[in-house]
């Protein structure tokens, strides 16, 4: 259930934030290239380095977040919020990748559609939902599909951010971590293989369901 909770939080929020940023950074504005670079930086950083930085930021005693907020929140030791803390890192680290793909999709949309809609009295919000989203749907579908698969394969963030001896670690254990634990730590490779097969079935089922909905909302022409 931890893996599914992570996917339910990480995928929609990362895509939503990336879409908003892509729309704004696709416009002509001062420093646009700099902003794009800043948001994409997490994608070129090593996952281990990202995890160590966030582990320091989340520290209950001298972490940057508690320092600025003036609190003593146990971001990674409180079982109630530990999985949210991991999801926040996952959202932050995937925004840049999604944003670049969405900007590429936005640049393929002819400006004539927006100009014609503006002449007809369409607002920017109306144009966003009736022009941008439909024409961007193939890119969104690709990001949703790969995002869900990536979220269900979660392993590195909880393993590197959390302390395995912490009482909160059980709340962020992923299916992939269970495979690692049973196969290589406990040497129960049969159980580990069963976990992999289960994960393969789940991912295949979800992918099949997404493919079934493709024709209803994805527009390739």
Protein backbone atom coordinates (compact mmCIF):
# COMPACT_ATOMS: atom_id res chain seq x y z
CA UNK A 1 0.00 0.00 0.00
CA UNK A 2 2.92 2.36 0.63
CA UNK A 3 3.92 2.18 -3.03
CA UNK A 4 0.39 2.94 -4.23
CA UNK A 5 0.05 5.85 -1.79
CA UNK A 6 3.30 7.27 -3.12
CA UNK A 7 2.16 6.89 -6.74
CA UNK A 8 -1.22 8.51 -6.02
CA UNK A 9 0.50 11.56 -4.53
CA UNK A 10 3.63 11.84 -6.66
CA UNK A 11 2.28 11.36 -10.18
CA UNK A 12 -0.64 13.85 -10.21
CA UNK A 13 1.17 16.57 -8.30
CA UNK A 14 4.39 16.33 -10.32
CA UNK A 15 2.48 16.45 -13.62
CA UNK A 16 0.23 19.29 -12.47
CA UNK A 17 3.12 21.46 -11.28
CA UNK A 18 5.17 20.62 -14.37
CA UNK A 19 2.27 21.58 -16.65
CA UNK A 20 1.81 24.97 -14.98
CA UNK A 21 5.55 25.69 -15.15
CA UNK A 22 5.75 24.53 -18.78
CA UNK A 23 2.94 26.89 -19.80
CA UNK A 24 4.58 29.86 -18.10
CA UNK A 25 8.10 29.07 -19.28
CA UNK A 26 6.91 28.55 -22.84
CA UNK A 27 6.05 32.23 -23.04
CA UNK A 28 8.44 35.00 -23.96
CA UNK A 29 9.89 36.27 -20.70
CA UNK A 30 13.16 37.56 -19.35
CA UNK A 31 15.47 34.83 -18.01
CA UNK A 32 13.37 32.01 -19.49
CA UNK A 33 16.40 29.83 -20.27
CA UNK A 34 17.77 30.33 -16.76
CA UNK A 35 14.50 29.27 -15.14
CA UNK A 36 14.28 26.21 -17.36
CA UNK A 37 17.82 25.24 -16.38
CA UNK A 38 17.12 25.68 -12.67
CA UNK A 39 14.03 23.48 -12.77
CA UNK A 40 15.83 20.81 -14.82
CA UNK A 41 18.89 20.66 -12.53
CA UNK A 42 17.52 17.85 -10.29
CA UNK A 43 17.52 15.55 -13.33
CA UNK A 44 21.28 15.81 -13.80
CA UNK A 45 22.14 15.35 -10.12
CA UNK A 46 23.01 11.94 -8.75
CA UNK A 47 20.10 10.37 -6.81
CA UNK A 48 22.41 9.71 -3.86
CA UNK A 49 23.40 13.39 -3.71
CA UNK A 50 19.76 14.48 -3.88
CA UNK A 51 18.81 12.07 -1.11
CA UNK A 52 21.63 13.24 1.17
CA UNK A 53 20.71 16.91 0.69
CA UNK A 54 17.05 16.27 1.48
CA UNK A 55 18.00 14.08 4.43
CA UNK A 56 19.92 17.03 5.84
CA UNK A 57 17.04 19.42 5.10
CA UNK A 58 14.59 17.08 6.86
CA UNK A 59 16.75 16.65 9.97
CA UNK A 60 14.69 17.29 13.07
CA UNK A 61 17.44 19.02 15.05
CA UNK A 62 19.43 21.09 12.52
CA UNK A 63 17.53 20.70 9.25
CA UNK A 64 16.95 23.66 6.98
CA UNK A 65 13.16 23.21 6.86
CA UNK A 66 12.71 23.24 10.62
CA UNK A 67 15.13 26.17 10.87
CA UNK A 68 13.07 28.34 8.51
CA UNK A 69 9.72 27.18 9.86
CA UNK A 70 10.81 27.47 13.48
CA UNK A 71 9.56 23.97 14.25
CA UNK A 72 10.89 20.60 15.41
CA UNK A 73 8.96 18.38 13.01
CA UNK A 74 10.31 14.87 12.53
CA UNK A 75 9.90 14.78 8.77
CA UNK A 76 11.47 11.35 8.37
CA UNK A 77 10.91 9.88 11.85
CA UNK A 78 7.20 10.57 12.31
CA UNK A 79 5.25 7.61 10.83
CA UNK A 80 2.30 9.88 10.03
CA UNK A 81 4.19 12.20 7.65
CA UNK A 82 7.26 10.19 6.58
CA UNK A 83 5.65 8.96 3.35
CA UNK A 84 4.57 12.53 2.51
CA UNK A 85 8.17 13.68 2.98
CA UNK A 86 9.36 11.01 0.54
CA UNK A 87 6.63 11.96 -1.94
CA UNK A 88 7.70 15.62 -1.81
CA UNK A 89 11.22 14.66 -2.87
CA UNK A 90 9.82 12.48 -5.65
CA UNK A 91 7.66 15.35 -6.92
CA UNK A 92 10.55 17.82 -6.78
CA UNK A 93 12.97 15.51 -8.59
CA UNK A 94 10.60 14.72 -11.48
CA UNK A 95 9.29 18.22 -12.21
CA UNK A 96 12.20 19.18 -14.49
CA UNK A 97 11.93 16.09 -16.69
CA UNK A 98 8.17 16.40 -17.10
CA UNK A 99 8.44 20.13 -17.74
CA UNK A 100 10.92 19.69 -20.61
CA UNK A 101 8.67 17.11 -22.29
CA UNK A 102 5.63 19.34 -21.88
CA UNK A 103 7.45 22.39 -23.26
CA UNK A 104 8.36 20.32 -26.31
CA UNK A 105 4.70 19.38 -26.72
CA UNK A 106 3.57 22.99 -26.29
CA UNK A 107 5.97 24.20 -28.96
CA UNK A 108 4.38 21.80 -31.46
CA UNK A 109 0.96 23.46 -31.03
CA UNK A 110 0.39 26.03 -33.82
CA UNK A 111 -0.13 29.57 -32.53
CA UNK A 112 -2.91 30.03 -35.09
CA UNK A 113 -5.30 28.12 -32.85
CA UNK A 114 -4.78 30.54 -29.97
CA UNK A 115 -5.06 33.59 -32.21
CA UNK A 116 -8.32 32.32 -33.72
CA UNK A 117 -9.70 31.53 -30.25
CA UNK A 118 -8.75 35.01 -29.02
CA UNK A 119 -10.56 36.63 -31.96
CA UNK A 120 -13.65 34.56 -31.07
CA UNK A 121 -13.50 35.91 -27.52
CA UNK A 122 -11.99 32.91 -25.78
CA UNK A 123 -10.20 33.58 -22.48
CA UNK A 124 -6.78 32.16 -21.65
CA UNK A 125 -8.30 29.69 -19.21
CA UNK A 126 -10.84 28.51 -21.80
CA UNK A 127 -8.09 28.15 -24.42
CA UNK A 128 -5.97 26.19 -21.96
CA UNK A 129 -8.64 23.56 -21.34
CA UNK A 130 -10.02 23.41 -24.91
CA UNK A 131 -6.84 23.86 -26.98
CA UNK A 132 -3.73 23.22 -24.89
CA UNK A 133 -4.87 20.14 -22.98
CA UNK A 134 -6.38 18.26 -25.99
CA UNK A 135 -3.39 18.97 -28.24
CA UNK A 136 -0.97 18.17 -25.43
CA UNK A 137 -2.75 14.92 -24.55
CA UNK A 138 -0.23 12.58 -26.31
CA UNK A 139 2.62 14.05 -24.26
CA UNK A 140 0.52 13.94 -21.08
CA UNK A 141 -0.39 10.32 -21.74
CA UNK A 142 3.27 9.38 -22.15
CA UNK A 143 4.23 11.21 -18.93
CA UNK A 144 1.37 9.64 -16.96
CA UNK A 145 2.21 6.14 -18.16
CA UNK A 146 5.94 6.37 -17.51
CA UNK A 147 5.33 8.27 -14.26
CA UNK A 148 3.08 5.55 -12.86
CA UNK A 149 5.54 2.81 -13.83
CA UNK A 150 8.42 4.76 -12.26
CA UNK A 151 6.47 5.42 -9.06
CA UNK A 152 5.58 1.75 -8.66
CA UNK A 153 9.29 0.89 -8.99
CA UNK A 154 10.23 3.24 -6.14
CA UNK A 155 13.33 2.12 -4.26
CA UNK A 156 16.15 4.65 -3.94
CA UNK A 157 14.39 7.56 -2.17
CA UNK A 158 13.12 5.72 0.94
CA UNK A 159 16.30 3.65 1.11
CA UNK A 160 18.63 6.67 1.09
CA UNK A 161 16.50 9.33 2.83
CA UNK A 162 15.15 7.19 5.64
CA UNK A 163 17.00 5.37 8.40
CA UNK A 164 16.15 1.67 8.09
CA UNK A 165 16.08 1.37 11.88
CA UNK A 166 13.53 4.18 12.22
CA UNK A 167 10.03 3.32 13.37
CA UNK A 168 8.71 5.29 10.38
CA UNK A 169 10.51 3.20 7.78
CA UNK A 170 7.73 0.60 7.69
CA UNK A 171 5.40 3.37 6.49
CA UNK A 172 7.55 4.08 3.41
CA UNK A 173 8.68 0.57 2.48
CA UNK A 174 8.07 0.01 -1.21
CA UNK A 175 7.43 -3.22 -3.10
CA UNK A 176 10.85 -2.97 -4.73
CA UNK A 177 12.51 -2.57 -1.33
CA UNK A 178 10.71 -5.71 -0.09
CA UNK A 179 12.14 -7.58 -3.09
CA UNK A 180 15.63 -6.33 -2.20
CA UNK A 181 15.18 -7.14 1.48
CA UNK A 182 13.93 -10.69 1.00
CA UNK A 183 16.26 -11.55 -1.90
CA UNK A 184 19.57 -10.10 -0.69
CA UNK A 185 19.25 -9.43 3.03
CA UNK A 186 17.17 -12.40 4.18
CA UNK A 187 18.26 -14.69 1.29
CA UNK A 188 14.67 -15.76 0.67
CA UNK A 189 14.95 -15.57 -3.10
CA UNK A 190 11.77 -17.52 -3.76
CA UNK A 191 9.73 -14.94 -1.86
CA UNK A 192 11.65 -12.16 -3.59
CA UNK A 193 10.88 -13.67 -7.00
CA UNK A 194 7.18 -13.85 -6.07
CA UNK A 195 7.24 -10.15 -5.21
CA UNK A 196 8.78 -9.32 -8.60
CA UNK A 197 6.14 -11.36 -10.43
CA UNK A 198 3.40 -9.65 -8.42
CA UNK A 199 4.84 -6.24 -9.27
CA UNK A 200 5.09 -7.19 -12.95
CA UNK A 201 1.42 -8.24 -12.98
CA UNK A 202 0.31 -5.02 -11.27
CA UNK A 203 2.32 -2.78 -13.62
CA UNK A 204 1.07 -4.72 -16.66
CA UNK A 205 -2.53 -4.40 -15.48
CA UNK A 206 -2.26 -0.68 -14.85
CA UNK A 207 -0.55 -0.15 -18.21
CA UNK A 208 -3.32 -2.11 -19.93
CA UNK A 209 -6.00 -0.02 -18.21
CA UNK A 210 -4.26 3.19 -19.26
CA UNK A 211 -4.04 1.93 -22.83
CA UNK A 212 -7.77 1.20 -22.78
CA UNK A 213 -8.53 4.82 -21.87
CA UNK A 214 -6.17 6.24 -24.50
CA UNK A 215 -8.72 6.56 -27.31
CA UNK A 216 -11.19 8.42 -25.08
CA UNK A 217 -9.05 11.47 -24.33
CA UNK A 218 -5.78 11.32 -26.27
CA UNK A 219 -5.88 13.19 -29.60
CA UNK A 220 -3.04 12.50 -32.03
CA UNK A 221 -4.41 14.59 -34.91
